[in-house]
Protein backbone atom coordinates (compact mmCIF):
# COMPACT_ATOMS: atom_id res chain seq x y z
CA UNK A 1 37.99 -76.81 -119.86
CA UNK A 2 35.51 -77.21 -117.04
CA UNK A 3 31.75 -76.97 -117.71
CA UNK A 4 30.62 -73.76 -115.94
CA UNK A 5 32.25 -70.37 -115.61
CA UNK A 6 29.75 -68.02 -113.98
CA UNK A 7 26.04 -67.31 -114.15
CA UNK A 8 23.76 -64.31 -113.84
CA UNK A 9 23.54 -64.77 -110.07
CA UNK A 10 27.31 -64.15 -109.89
CA UNK A 11 26.75 -60.78 -111.56
CA UNK A 12 24.25 -59.76 -108.87
CA UNK A 13 26.64 -60.97 -106.16
CA UNK A 14 29.37 -58.79 -107.70
CA UNK A 15 26.94 -55.87 -107.57
CA UNK A 16 26.30 -56.57 -103.87
CA UNK A 17 30.04 -56.62 -103.14
CA UNK A 18 30.52 -53.32 -104.95
CA UNK A 19 27.63 -51.65 -103.09
CA UNK A 20 28.59 -52.92 -99.63
CA UNK A 21 32.31 -52.24 -99.95
CA UNK A 22 31.34 -48.56 -99.95
CA UNK A 23 29.74 -49.03 -96.50
CA UNK A 24 31.88 -51.73 -94.86
CA UNK A 25 35.52 -52.71 -94.74
CA UNK A 26 35.41 -56.47 -95.11
CA UNK A 27 38.87 -57.47 -93.91
CA UNK A 28 38.25 -61.10 -94.75
CA UNK A 29 35.85 -62.87 -97.09
CA UNK A 30 34.86 -66.49 -97.53
CA UNK A 31 33.88 -67.14 -101.14
CA UNK A 32 31.93 -70.37 -100.57
CA UNK A 33 31.38 -72.53 -103.63
CA UNK A 34 33.84 -70.42 -105.62
CA UNK A 35 33.68 -72.55 -108.74
CA UNK A 36 36.37 -72.74 -111.37
CA UNK A 37 37.09 -69.00 -111.49
CA UNK A 38 36.57 -67.76 -107.92
CA UNK A 39 35.04 -64.73 -109.59
CA UNK A 40 33.66 -63.19 -106.38
CA UNK A 41 36.90 -63.53 -104.46
CA UNK A 42 38.90 -62.12 -107.35
CA UNK A 43 36.47 -59.25 -107.81
CA UNK A 44 36.67 -58.34 -104.11
CA UNK A 45 40.48 -58.61 -104.09
CA UNK A 46 40.75 -56.28 -107.11
CA UNK A 47 38.65 -53.65 -105.32
CA UNK A 48 40.33 -54.10 -101.92
CA UNK A 49 43.81 -55.58 -102.24
CA UNK A 50 44.20 -55.66 -98.43
CA UNK A 51 41.28 -58.04 -97.90
CA UNK A 52 42.07 -61.66 -97.10
CA UNK A 53 40.11 -63.92 -99.42
CA UNK A 54 39.49 -67.62 -98.87
CA UNK A 55 37.82 -69.27 -101.85
CA UNK A 56 36.30 -72.68 -101.12
CA UNK A 57 34.82 -75.41 -103.26
CA UNK A 58 33.99 -79.11 -103.05
CA UNK A 59 35.72 -79.86 -106.38
CA UNK A 60 39.52 -79.93 -106.50
CA UNK A 61 39.44 -79.50 -110.30
CA UNK A 62 37.63 -76.20 -109.86
CA UNK A 63 40.09 -75.00 -107.24
CA UNK A 64 43.05 -75.81 -109.46
CA UNK A 65 41.53 -73.82 -112.30
CA UNK A 66 40.65 -70.93 -109.95
CA UNK A 67 44.22 -70.88 -108.58
CA UNK A 68 45.62 -70.62 -112.10
CA UNK A 69 43.14 -67.87 -112.91
CA UNK A 70 43.91 -65.81 -109.79
CA UNK A 71 47.66 -66.26 -110.35
CA UNK A 72 47.25 -65.05 -113.93
CA UNK A 73 45.53 -61.95 -112.50
CA UNK A 74 48.29 -61.46 -109.89
CA UNK A 75 45.84 -61.84 -107.02
CA UNK A 76 46.81 -63.43 -103.73
CA UNK A 77 43.88 -65.61 -102.74
CA UNK A 78 43.87 -68.69 -100.53
CA UNK A 79 41.97 -71.79 -101.64
CA UNK A 80 40.54 -74.72 -99.72
CA UNK A 81 38.74 -77.88 -100.76
CA UNK A 82 35.77 -78.41 -98.47
CA UNK A 83 32.23 -79.71 -98.35
CA UNK A 84 30.48 -76.62 -96.99
CA UNK A 85 32.21 -75.68 -93.73
CA UNK A 86 33.85 -79.04 -92.96
CA UNK A 87 37.42 -77.70 -93.45
CA UNK A 88 36.81 -74.07 -92.46
CA UNK A 89 38.11 -72.98 -89.04
CA UNK A 90 37.92 -69.20 -88.90
CA UNK A 91 35.34 -66.41 -88.85
CA UNK A 92 34.68 -63.87 -91.59
CA UNK A 93 33.31 -60.37 -92.08
CA UNK A 94 31.72 -61.48 -95.36
CA UNK A 95 30.57 -64.85 -96.65
CA UNK A 96 29.28 -65.06 -100.19
CA UNK A 97 27.49 -68.09 -101.60
CA UNK A 98 26.02 -68.76 -105.00
CA UNK A 99 24.62 -72.18 -104.12
CA UNK A 100 23.30 -74.91 -106.34
CA UNK A 101 19.57 -74.17 -106.50
CA UNK A 102 18.24 -76.05 -109.51
CA UNK A 103 15.68 -78.74 -108.61
CA UNK A 104 16.74 -82.21 -109.78
CA UNK A 105 13.71 -82.46 -112.08
CA UNK A 106 15.63 -80.18 -114.49
CA UNK A 107 18.54 -82.61 -114.73
CA UNK A 108 18.82 -84.12 -118.22
CA UNK A 109 22.01 -86.18 -117.80
CA UNK A 110 24.53 -87.30 -115.21
CA UNK A 111 27.57 -85.12 -114.57
CA UNK A 112 30.78 -85.42 -112.57
CA UNK A 113 29.99 -81.97 -111.16
CA UNK A 114 26.31 -82.28 -110.21
CA UNK A 115 26.73 -80.38 -106.95
CA UNK A 116 27.37 -77.15 -108.85
CA UNK A 117 23.77 -76.99 -110.05
CA UNK A 118 21.32 -79.43 -108.50
CA UNK A 119 20.05 -79.36 -104.94
CA UNK A 120 17.17 -81.73 -104.24
CA UNK A 121 13.51 -81.70 -105.19
CA UNK A 122 12.94 -78.02 -104.38
CA UNK A 123 16.44 -76.72 -105.14
CA UNK A 124 17.00 -75.75 -101.50
CA UNK A 125 19.09 -78.49 -99.86
CA UNK A 126 22.43 -76.66 -100.30
CA UNK A 127 20.89 -73.38 -99.13
CA UNK A 128 19.57 -75.03 -95.99
CA UNK A 129 22.83 -76.90 -95.30
CA UNK A 130 24.71 -73.62 -95.69
CA UNK A 131 22.39 -71.57 -93.44
CA UNK A 132 22.44 -74.24 -90.70
CA UNK A 133 26.15 -73.60 -90.16
CA UNK A 134 27.09 -70.23 -91.66
CA UNK A 135 26.34 -68.16 -88.55
CA UNK A 136 29.14 -69.95 -86.66
CA UNK A 137 31.65 -68.64 -89.20
CA UNK A 138 30.60 -64.99 -89.10
CA UNK A 139 32.42 -62.38 -87.04
CA UNK A 140 30.31 -60.07 -84.90
CA UNK A 141 28.33 -57.92 -87.36
CA UNK A 142 29.40 -60.17 -90.24
CA UNK A 143 27.26 -60.31 -93.38
CA UNK A 144 26.21 -63.08 -95.75
CA UNK A 145 25.40 -62.53 -99.42
CA UNK A 146 23.22 -65.43 -100.60
CA UNK A 147 22.53 -65.35 -104.34
CA UNK A 148 19.65 -67.31 -105.87
CA UNK A 149 17.73 -67.39 -109.13
CA UNK A 150 14.01 -67.04 -108.39
CA UNK A 151 13.18 -68.90 -111.59
CA UNK A 152 14.08 -72.06 -109.67
CA UNK A 153 13.32 -71.15 -106.05
CA UNK A 154 10.48 -68.69 -105.39
CA UNK A 155 11.12 -65.64 -103.22
CA UNK A 156 8.60 -66.71 -100.55
CA UNK A 157 10.31 -70.11 -100.16
CA UNK A 158 13.67 -68.37 -99.72
CA UNK A 159 12.22 -65.96 -97.18
CA UNK A 160 10.77 -68.84 -95.18
CA UNK A 161 14.07 -70.75 -95.15
CA UNK A 162 16.01 -67.66 -94.09
CA UNK A 163 13.58 -66.99 -91.21
CA UNK A 164 13.56 -70.65 -90.18
CA UNK A 165 17.34 -70.57 -89.67
CA UNK A 166 17.16 -67.33 -87.68
CA UNK A 167 18.66 -64.82 -90.11
CA UNK A 168 17.51 -61.27 -90.69
CA UNK A 169 17.26 -59.98 -94.24
CA UNK A 170 19.01 -56.60 -94.25
CA UNK A 171 18.61 -55.98 -97.96
CA UNK A 172 17.67 -57.68 -101.22
CA UNK A 173 19.73 -56.73 -104.24
CA UNK A 174 18.45 -57.24 -107.77
CA UNK A 175 19.75 -56.63 -111.23
CA UNK A 176 17.07 -55.85 -113.72
CA UNK A 177 15.69 -57.58 -115.80
CA UNK A 178 16.54 -61.10 -114.62
CA UNK A 179 15.21 -63.01 -111.61
CA UNK A 180 18.53 -63.43 -109.81
CA UNK A 181 18.68 -61.82 -106.38
CA UNK A 182 21.03 -61.53 -103.45
CA UNK A 183 19.78 -61.70 -99.90
CA UNK A 184 21.97 -59.69 -97.53
CA UNK A 185 21.75 -61.56 -94.23
CA UNK A 186 22.79 -61.04 -90.62
CA UNK A 187 22.32 -63.33 -87.66
């Protein structure tokens, strides 16, 4: 068994998908950093079976587990091993990302899968790397759902990073009572 399944941020991202699927028809969805379950891609596919889902992760072990899980659920999802966008070559209506956002000072031991949690001194390296490139992989009027736990990265820091990379915050989705939020972004 692999070490992480999903976290509270994933639950808020699922909420965002459910809300926005009432307003938009996302014909294709990149589930970046899908983890060992590809929970966001599977959730979207269950709601809209016609959507094309591409679930991506840096860890092949996670992708193998996610493939087995989606097959068990009779869901047709494509998977790709990639470091951010390095192996992605298409544009999407929706890109979801639950990035690693835990500052390294919280790390207590070494792990084979460190990139699933830790992201530099401030917890923002993966977020910044993602936002630098994500706009090139959005279709016209495409949307990004960026989920982050404010316990680790304060709201104001996130706002500043989003503005710095030229995105507009369309909405912020929360799920009471925890500090996990989803920024709904457009370029």
